[in-house]
């Protein structure tokens, strides 16, 4: 894996989590915050940790921010600082900018001023939790886009001994089972249609959100 250089601005829980994950994946990270205490706490994890006011253009230039391929703005509460920093990074021609947004309005502004990617951690986590606890069989899911999700669905007792072809997920819902993971974590990629399901298996499928939701409702009725 190619080692990349990132700058993370704002060391709240989100910024610290991003920093540690990137470092753990072998990348170089410059961590920045206006709070000296937060900088000290991350200094043993980040490649470099600097205490500056990131709304100060001169301070950013002195750090050579333009040399970094990807900047993550993890400031969500201080909207003015978040917007100004994103704008400065854009003017400095940072190759890619990912910014954390507090709400939809904040996100629209960040997009308009040049953020390449806007994320909503609180909203997305709430949606994720709601989906997980609201389903009897959903193990995990990933939003590939607004149009497609990848979901992991637990095979319960009522579905055991069925064959994949019995589910008819493609014909009925336009979804595709891309893999099956058994209890021992063995993964069968592109399983055959005559593969027999066992209780505890996990179906990994891809499809449109509404189609998967319809499948989940029908699945719930079947396994009861």
C-alpha atoms as a PDB file:
ATOM      1  CA  UNK A   1       0.000   0.000   0.000  1.00  0.00           C
ATOM      2  CA  UNK A   2       1.330   3.407  -0.986  1.00  0.00           C
ATOM      3  CA  UNK A   3       2.077   5.662   1.969  1.00  0.00           C
ATOM      4  CA  UNK A   4       0.062   8.885   1.760  1.00  0.00           C
ATOM      5  CA  UNK A   5       0.309  12.228   3.530  1.00  0.00           C
ATOM      6  CA  UNK A   6      -2.754  13.576   5.334  1.00  0.00           C
ATOM      7  CA  UNK A   7      -3.460  16.638   7.452  1.00  0.00           C
ATOM      8  CA  UNK A   8      -6.219  16.415  10.048  1.00  0.00           C
ATOM      9  CA  UNK A   9      -7.532  19.725  11.393  1.00  0.00           C
ATOM     10  CA  UNK A  10      -9.622  19.565  14.561  1.00  0.00           C
ATOM     11  CA  UNK A  11      -8.835  16.954  17.192  1.00  0.00           C
ATOM     12  CA  UNK A  12     -12.193  16.148  18.696  1.00  0.00           C
ATOM     13  CA  UNK A  13     -13.296  12.517  18.887  1.00  0.00           C
ATOM     14  CA  UNK A  14     -13.780  12.396  15.118  1.00  0.00           C
ATOM     15  CA  UNK A  15     -10.402  13.927  14.263  1.00  0.00           C
ATOM     16  CA  UNK A  16      -8.540  11.749  16.748  1.00  0.00           C
ATOM     17  CA  UNK A  17     -10.244   8.607  15.427  1.00  0.00           C
ATOM     18  CA  UNK A  18      -9.357   9.509  11.822  1.00  0.00           C
ATOM     19  CA  UNK A  19      -5.757  10.286  12.788  1.00  0.00           C
ATOM     20  CA  UNK A  20      -5.210   7.016  14.662  1.00  0.00           C
ATOM     21  CA  UNK A  21      -6.826   4.975  11.904  1.00  0.00           C
ATOM     22  CA  UNK A  22      -4.695   6.560   9.179  1.00  0.00           C
ATOM     23  CA  UNK A  23      -1.531   6.076  11.238  1.00  0.00           C
ATOM     24  CA  UNK A  24      -2.535   2.475  11.905  1.00  0.00           C
ATOM     25  CA  UNK A  25      -2.850   1.964   8.154  1.00  0.00           C
ATOM     26  CA  UNK A  26       0.710   3.156   7.617  1.00  0.00           C
ATOM     27  CA  UNK A  27       0.115   6.722   6.445  1.00  0.00           C
ATOM     28  CA  UNK A  28       1.717   9.984   7.522  1.00  0.00           C
ATOM     29  CA  UNK A  29      -0.513  12.418   9.422  1.00  0.00           C
ATOM     30  CA  UNK A  30      -0.044  16.030  10.460  1.00  0.00           C
ATOM     31  CA  UNK A  31      -2.536  16.665  13.281  1.00  0.00           C
ATOM     32  CA  UNK A  32      -3.587  20.253  14.008  1.00  0.00           C
ATOM     33  CA  UNK A  33      -5.704  21.880  16.706  1.00  0.00           C
ATOM     34  CA  UNK A  34      -5.917  25.243  18.437  1.00  0.00           C
ATOM     35  CA  UNK A  35      -6.076  23.464  21.815  1.00  0.00           C
ATOM     36  CA  UNK A  36      -2.570  22.683  23.072  1.00  0.00           C
ATOM     37  CA  UNK A  37      -3.847  19.957  25.402  1.00  0.00           C
ATOM     38  CA  UNK A  38      -5.448  18.055  22.507  1.00  0.00           C
ATOM     39  CA  UNK A  39      -2.263  18.376  20.482  1.00  0.00           C
ATOM     40  CA  UNK A  40      -0.197  16.951  23.331  1.00  0.00           C
ATOM     41  CA  UNK A  41      -2.564  14.005  23.699  1.00  0.00           C
ATOM     42  CA  UNK A  42      -2.268  13.007  20.025  1.00  0.00           C
ATOM     43  CA  UNK A  43       1.465  13.737  19.724  1.00  0.00           C
ATOM     44  CA  UNK A  44       2.456  10.145  20.519  1.00  0.00           C
ATOM     45  CA  UNK A  45       0.198   8.808  17.751  1.00  0.00           C
ATOM     46  CA  UNK A  46       0.434  11.341  14.907  1.00  0.00           C
ATOM     47  CA  UNK A  47       3.508  11.726  12.692  1.00  0.00           C
ATOM     48  CA  UNK A  48       3.481  15.416  13.576  1.00  0.00           C
ATOM     49  CA  UNK A  49       1.195  17.380  15.906  1.00  0.00           C
ATOM     50  CA  UNK A  50       1.021  21.168  15.847  1.00  0.00           C
ATOM     51  CA  UNK A  51      -0.896  23.703  17.911  1.00  0.00           C
ATOM     52  CA  UNK A  52      -2.012  26.602  15.700  1.00  0.00           C
ATOM     53  CA  UNK A  53      -5.154  28.499  14.779  1.00  0.00           C
ATOM     54  CA  UNK A  54      -5.965  26.869  11.434  1.00  0.00           C
ATOM     55  CA  UNK A  55      -7.985  29.919  10.375  1.00  0.00           C
ATOM     56  CA  UNK A  56      -4.651  31.761  10.193  1.00  0.00           C
ATOM     57  CA  UNK A  57      -3.590  31.580   6.542  1.00  0.00           C
ATOM     58  CA  UNK A  58       0.030  32.471   7.285  1.00  0.00           C
ATOM     59  CA  UNK A  59       0.327  29.708   9.885  1.00  0.00           C
ATOM     60  CA  UNK A  60      -1.027  27.146   7.424  1.00  0.00           C
ATOM     61  CA  UNK A  61       1.348  28.285   4.703  1.00  0.00           C
ATOM     62  CA  UNK A  62       4.314  27.991   7.038  1.00  0.00           C
ATOM     63  CA  UNK A  63       3.397  24.347   7.630  1.00  0.00           C
ATOM     64  CA  UNK A  64       3.427  23.701   3.880  1.00  0.00           C
ATOM     65  CA  UNK A  65      -0.173  22.484   3.861  1.00  0.00           C
ATOM     66  CA  UNK A  66      -0.294  22.625   0.063  1.00  0.00           C
ATOM     67  CA  UNK A  67       2.126  19.689  -0.044  1.00  0.00           C
ATOM     68  CA  UNK A  68      -0.389  17.330   1.566  1.00  0.00           C
ATOM     69  CA  UNK A  69      -2.530  15.256  -0.789  1.00  0.00           C
ATOM     70  CA  UNK A  70      -5.584  15.111   1.467  1.00  0.00           C
ATOM     71  CA  UNK A  71      -6.887  17.385   4.222  1.00  0.00           C
ATOM     72  CA  UNK A  72      -9.617  16.392   6.662  1.00  0.00           C
ATOM     73  CA  UNK A  73     -11.443  19.233   8.427  1.00  0.00           C
ATOM     74  CA  UNK A  74     -12.883  17.654  11.560  1.00  0.00           C
ATOM     75  CA  UNK A  75     -14.427  20.801  13.009  1.00  0.00           C
ATOM     76  CA  UNK A  76     -18.197  20.490  13.256  1.00  0.00           C
ATOM     77  CA  UNK A  77     -19.453  22.847  15.955  1.00  0.00           C
ATOM     78  CA  UNK A  78     -17.611  26.047  14.993  1.00  0.00           C
ATOM     79  CA  UNK A  79     -19.221  26.566  11.600  1.00  0.00           C
ATOM     80  CA  UNK A  80     -17.346  29.779  10.849  1.00  0.00           C
ATOM     81  CA  UNK A  81     -13.960  28.175  11.482  1.00  0.00           C
ATOM     82  CA  UNK A  82     -14.916  25.067   9.509  1.00  0.00           C
ATOM     83  CA  UNK A  83     -15.969  27.112   6.481  1.00  0.00           C
ATOM     84  CA  UNK A  84     -12.987  29.468   6.590  1.00  0.00           C
ATOM     85  CA  UNK A  85     -10.466  26.636   6.921  1.00  0.00           C
ATOM     86  CA  UNK A  86     -12.042  24.727   4.038  1.00  0.00           C
ATOM     87  CA  UNK A  87     -11.894  27.854   1.893  1.00  0.00           C
ATOM     88  CA  UNK A  88      -8.232  28.441   2.775  1.00  0.00           C
ATOM     89  CA  UNK A  89      -7.331  24.838   1.932  1.00  0.00           C
ATOM     90  CA  UNK A  90      -9.082  25.211  -1.418  1.00  0.00           C
ATOM     91  CA  UNK A  91      -7.189  28.422  -2.183  1.00  0.00           C
ATOM     92  CA  UNK A  92      -3.933  26.657  -1.282  1.00  0.00           C
ATOM     93  CA  UNK A  93      -4.827  24.008  -3.877  1.00  0.00           C
ATOM     94  CA  UNK A  94      -4.821  21.031  -1.532  1.00  0.00           C
ATOM     95  CA  UNK A  95      -5.557  18.084  -3.810  1.00  0.00           C
ATOM     96  CA  UNK A  96      -8.511  16.692  -1.837  1.00  0.00           C
ATOM     97  CA  UNK A  97     -10.559  18.131   1.023  1.00  0.00           C
ATOM     98  CA  UNK A  98     -12.908  16.134   3.227  1.00  0.00           C
ATOM     99  CA  UNK A  99     -14.947  18.173   5.696  1.00  0.00           C
ATOM    100  CA  UNK A 100     -17.175  17.214   8.603  1.00  0.00           C
ATOM    101  CA  UNK A 101     -20.597  18.901   8.610  1.00  0.00           C
ATOM    102  CA  UNK A 102     -22.937  19.507  11.513  1.00  0.00           C
ATOM    103  CA  UNK A 103     -26.095  19.494   9.406  1.00  0.00           C
ATOM    104  CA  UNK A 104     -27.352  19.607   5.806  1.00  0.00           C
ATOM    105  CA  UNK A 105     -27.117  23.401   5.546  1.00  0.00           C
ATOM    106  CA  UNK A 106     -23.519  23.375   6.772  1.00  0.00           C
ATOM    107  CA  UNK A 107     -22.767  20.593   4.314  1.00  0.00           C
ATOM    108  CA  UNK A 108     -24.174  22.530   1.355  1.00  0.00           C
ATOM    109  CA  UNK A 109     -21.979  25.520   2.189  1.00  0.00           C
ATOM    110  CA  UNK A 110     -18.873  23.331   2.471  1.00  0.00           C
ATOM    111  CA  UNK A 111     -19.629  21.777  -0.907  1.00  0.00           C
ATOM    112  CA  UNK A 112     -20.155  25.170  -2.554  1.00  0.00           C
ATOM    113  CA  UNK A 113     -16.821  26.520  -1.345  1.00  0.00           C
ATOM    114  CA  UNK A 114     -14.861  23.517  -2.593  1.00  0.00           C
ATOM    115  CA  UNK A 115     -14.968  20.520  -0.236  1.00  0.00           C
ATOM    116  CA  UNK A 116     -14.560  17.381  -2.352  1.00  0.00           C
ATOM    117  CA  UNK A 117     -16.322  15.202   0.200  1.00  0.00           C
ATOM    118  CA  UNK A 118     -18.675  16.179   3.023  1.00  0.00           C
ATOM    119  CA  UNK A 119     -19.498  13.729   5.792  1.00  0.00           C
ATOM    120  CA  UNK A 120     -22.132  13.777   8.523  1.00  0.00           C
ATOM    121  CA  UNK A 121     -20.851  11.517  11.346  1.00  0.00           C
ATOM    122  CA  UNK A 122     -23.729  12.147  13.764  1.00  0.00           C
ATOM    123  CA  UNK A 123     -26.449  11.765  11.138  1.00  0.00           C
ATOM    124  CA  UNK A 124     -24.845   8.713   9.547  1.00  0.00           C
ATOM    125  CA  UNK A 125     -24.237   7.007  12.895  1.00  0.00           C
ATOM    126  CA  UNK A 126     -27.841   7.651  13.900  1.00  0.00           C
ATOM    127  CA  UNK A 127     -29.065   6.180  10.623  1.00  0.00           C
ATOM    128  CA  UNK A 128     -26.727   3.217  10.991  1.00  0.00           C
ATOM    129  CA  UNK A 129     -27.867   2.513  14.558  1.00  0.00           C
ATOM    130  CA  UNK A 130     -31.517   2.893  13.608  1.00  0.00           C
ATOM    131  CA  UNK A 131     -31.148   0.399  10.784  1.00  0.00           C
ATOM    132  CA  UNK A 132     -29.243  -2.111  12.897  1.00  0.00           C
ATOM    133  CA  UNK A 133     -31.506  -2.105  15.963  1.00  0.00           C
ATOM    134  CA  UNK A 134     -34.671  -1.871  13.881  1.00  0.00           C
ATOM    135  CA  UNK A 135     -34.022  -5.169  12.077  1.00  0.00           C
ATOM    136  CA  UNK A 136     -34.113  -8.698  13.414  1.00  0.00           C
ATOM    137  CA  UNK A 137     -31.527  -9.997  10.982  1.00  0.00           C
ATOM    138  CA  UNK A 138     -29.394  -7.104   9.681  1.00  0.00           C
ATOM    139  CA  UNK A 139     -25.795  -7.638  10.856  1.00  0.00           C
ATOM    140  CA  UNK A 140     -24.108  -4.689   9.178  1.00  0.00           C
ATOM    141  CA  UNK A 141     -24.346  -2.500   6.125  1.00  0.00           C
ATOM    142  CA  UNK A 142     -22.338  -0.081   3.996  1.00  0.00           C
ATOM    143  CA  UNK A 143     -23.641   2.752   1.849  1.00  0.00           C
ATOM    144  CA  UNK A 144     -21.782   2.608  -1.454  1.00  0.00           C
ATOM    145  CA  UNK A 145     -23.874   5.522  -2.715  1.00  0.00           C
ATOM    146  CA  UNK A 146     -27.403   6.869  -2.445  1.00  0.00           C
ATOM    147  CA  UNK A 147     -28.404   4.239  -4.996  1.00  0.00           C
ATOM    148  CA  UNK A 148     -26.675   1.107  -3.710  1.00  0.00           C
ATOM    149  CA  UNK A 149     -25.932  -0.539  -0.362  1.00  0.00           C
ATOM    150  CA  UNK A 150     -23.981  -3.612   0.681  1.00  0.00           C
ATOM    151  CA  UNK A 151     -25.719  -5.421   3.547  1.00  0.00           C
ATOM    152  CA  UNK A 152     -24.988  -8.432   5.719  1.00  0.00           C
ATOM    153  CA  UNK A 153     -28.069 -10.476   6.614  1.00  0.00           C
ATOM    154  CA  UNK A 154     -28.126 -13.275   9.170  1.00  0.00           C
ATOM    155  CA  UNK A 155     -29.664 -16.568   8.098  1.00  0.00           C
ATOM    156  CA  UNK A 156     -32.040 -17.587  10.871  1.00  0.00           C
ATOM    157  CA  UNK A 157     -33.572 -20.984  11.664  1.00  0.00           C
ATOM    158  CA  UNK A 158     -36.598 -20.461   9.420  1.00  0.00           C
ATOM    159  CA  UNK A 159     -34.349 -20.017   6.374  1.00  0.00           C
ATOM    160  CA  UNK A 160     -31.871 -22.814   7.066  1.00  0.00           C
ATOM    161  CA  UNK A 161     -31.729 -25.631   4.504  1.00  0.00           C
ATOM    162  CA  UNK A 162     -32.957 -23.288   1.768  1.00  0.00           C
ATOM    163  CA  UNK A 163     -30.924 -22.991  -1.386  1.00  0.00           C
ATOM    164  CA  UNK A 164     -29.846 -19.580  -2.674  1.00  0.00           C
ATOM    165  CA  UNK A 165     -32.056 -20.057  -5.706  1.00  0.00           C
ATOM    166  CA  UNK A 166     -35.051 -20.421  -3.380  1.00  0.00           C
ATOM    167  CA  UNK A 167     -34.620 -16.826  -2.190  1.00  0.00           C
ATOM    168  CA  UNK A 168     -34.961 -15.433  -5.729  1.00  0.00           C
ATOM    169  CA  UNK A 169     -33.325 -12.201  -4.573  1.00  0.00           C
ATOM    170  CA  UNK A 170     -32.419 -11.076  -8.070  1.00  0.00           C
ATOM    171  CA  UNK A 171     -35.786 -11.734  -9.696  1.00  0.00           C
ATOM    172  CA  UNK A 172     -37.888 -10.396  -6.810  1.00  0.00           C
ATOM    173  CA  UNK A 173     -35.745  -7.526  -5.546  1.00  0.00           C
ATOM    174  CA  UNK A 174     -33.016  -6.838  -8.097  1.00  0.00           C
ATOM    175  CA  UNK A 175     -30.365  -7.672  -5.475  1.00  0.00           C
ATOM    176  CA  UNK A 176     -27.293  -9.876  -5.830  1.00  0.00           C
ATOM    177  CA  UNK A 177     -25.743 -12.186  -3.228  1.00  0.00           C
ATOM    178  CA  UNK A 178     -22.009 -11.584  -3.686  1.00  0.00           C
ATOM    179  CA  UNK A 179     -20.772 -13.833  -0.860  1.00  0.00           C
ATOM    180  CA  UNK A 180     -21.733 -16.018   2.084  1.00  0.00           C
ATOM    181  CA  UNK A 181     -19.838 -16.065   5.374  1.00  0.00           C
ATOM    182  CA  UNK A 182     -20.297 -19.084   7.651  1.00  0.00           C
ATOM    183  CA  UNK A 183     -19.960 -19.298  11.430  1.00  0.00           C
ATOM    184  CA  UNK A 184     -16.236 -20.067  11.122  1.00  0.00           C
ATOM    185  CA  UNK A 185     -15.793 -16.853   9.079  1.00  0.00           C
ATOM    186  CA  UNK A 186     -15.081 -18.780   5.886  1.00  0.00           C
ATOM    187  CA  UNK A 187     -16.216 -16.743   2.893  1.00  0.00           C
ATOM    188  CA  UNK A 188     -17.687 -18.218  -0.285  1.00  0.00           C
ATOM    189  CA  UNK A 189     -17.361 -15.608  -3.048  1.00  0.00           C
ATOM    190  CA  UNK A 190     -20.024 -15.701  -5.791  1.00  0.00           C
ATOM    191  CA  UNK A 191     -21.723 -18.772  -4.279  1.00  0.00           C
ATOM    192  CA  UNK A 192     -23.538 -21.179  -6.580  1.00  0.00           C
ATOM    193  CA  UNK A 193     -27.322 -21.087  -6.744  1.00  0.00           C
ATOM    194  CA  UNK A 194     -27.588 -24.595  -5.263  1.00  0.00           C
ATOM    195  CA  UNK A 195     -25.584 -23.600  -2.177  1.00  0.00           C
ATOM    196  CA  UNK A 196     -27.574 -24.688   0.896  1.00  0.00           C
ATOM    197  CA  UNK A 197     -27.960 -22.088   3.644  1.00  0.00           C
ATOM    198  CA  UNK A 198     -27.291 -22.908   7.288  1.00  0.00           C
ATOM    199  CA  UNK A 199     -28.499 -21.140  10.405  1.00  0.00           C
ATOM    200  CA  UNK A 200     -25.839 -18.615  11.384  1.00  0.00           C
ATOM    201  CA  UNK A 201     -24.626 -18.017   7.826  1.00  0.00           C
ATOM    202  CA  UNK A 202     -24.369 -14.375   6.779  1.00  0.00           C
ATOM    203  CA  UNK A 203     -25.509 -13.322   3.314  1.00  0.00           C
ATOM    204  CA  UNK A 204     -23.539 -10.421   1.843  1.00  0.00           C
ATOM    205  CA  UNK A 205     -25.638  -8.766  -0.827  1.00  0.00           C
ATOM    206  CA  UNK A 206     -25.725  -5.611  -2.913  1.00  0.00           C
ATOM    207  CA  UNK A 207     -28.783  -3.741  -4.095  1.00  0.00           C
ATOM    208  CA  UNK A 208     -30.863  -0.587  -3.979  1.00  0.00           C
ATOM    209  CA  UNK A 209     -31.891   0.511  -0.445  1.00  0.00           C
ATOM    210  CA  UNK A 210     -35.659   0.316  -1.084  1.00  0.00           C
ATOM    211  CA  UNK A 211     -35.307  -3.120  -2.665  1.00  0.00           C
ATOM    212  CA  UNK A 212     -33.270  -4.399   0.268  1.00  0.00           C
ATOM    213  CA  UNK A 213     -35.810  -2.951   2.726  1.00  0.00           C
ATOM    214  CA  UNK A 214     -38.593  -4.792   0.888  1.00  0.00           C
ATOM    215  CA  UNK A 215     -36.551  -7.986   1.017  1.00  0.00           C
ATOM    216  CA  UNK A 216     -35.962  -7.526   4.764  1.00  0.00           C
ATOM    217  CA  UNK A 217     -39.709  -7.161   5.434  1.00  0.00           C
ATOM    218  CA  UNK A 218     -40.488 -10.267   3.413  1.00  0.00           C
ATOM    219  CA  UNK A 219     -37.602 -12.105   5.086  1.00  0.00           C
ATOM    220  CA  UNK A 220     -38.948 -11.205   8.550  1.00  0.00           C
ATOM    221  CA  UNK A 221     -42.325 -12.667   7.647  1.00  0.00           C
ATOM    222  CA  UNK A 222     -40.688 -15.837   6.359  1.00  0.00           C
ATOM    223  CA  UNK A 223     -38.506 -16.576   9.395  1.00  0.00           C
ATOM    224  CA  UNK A 224     -41.193 -15.961  12.004  1.00  0.00           C
END
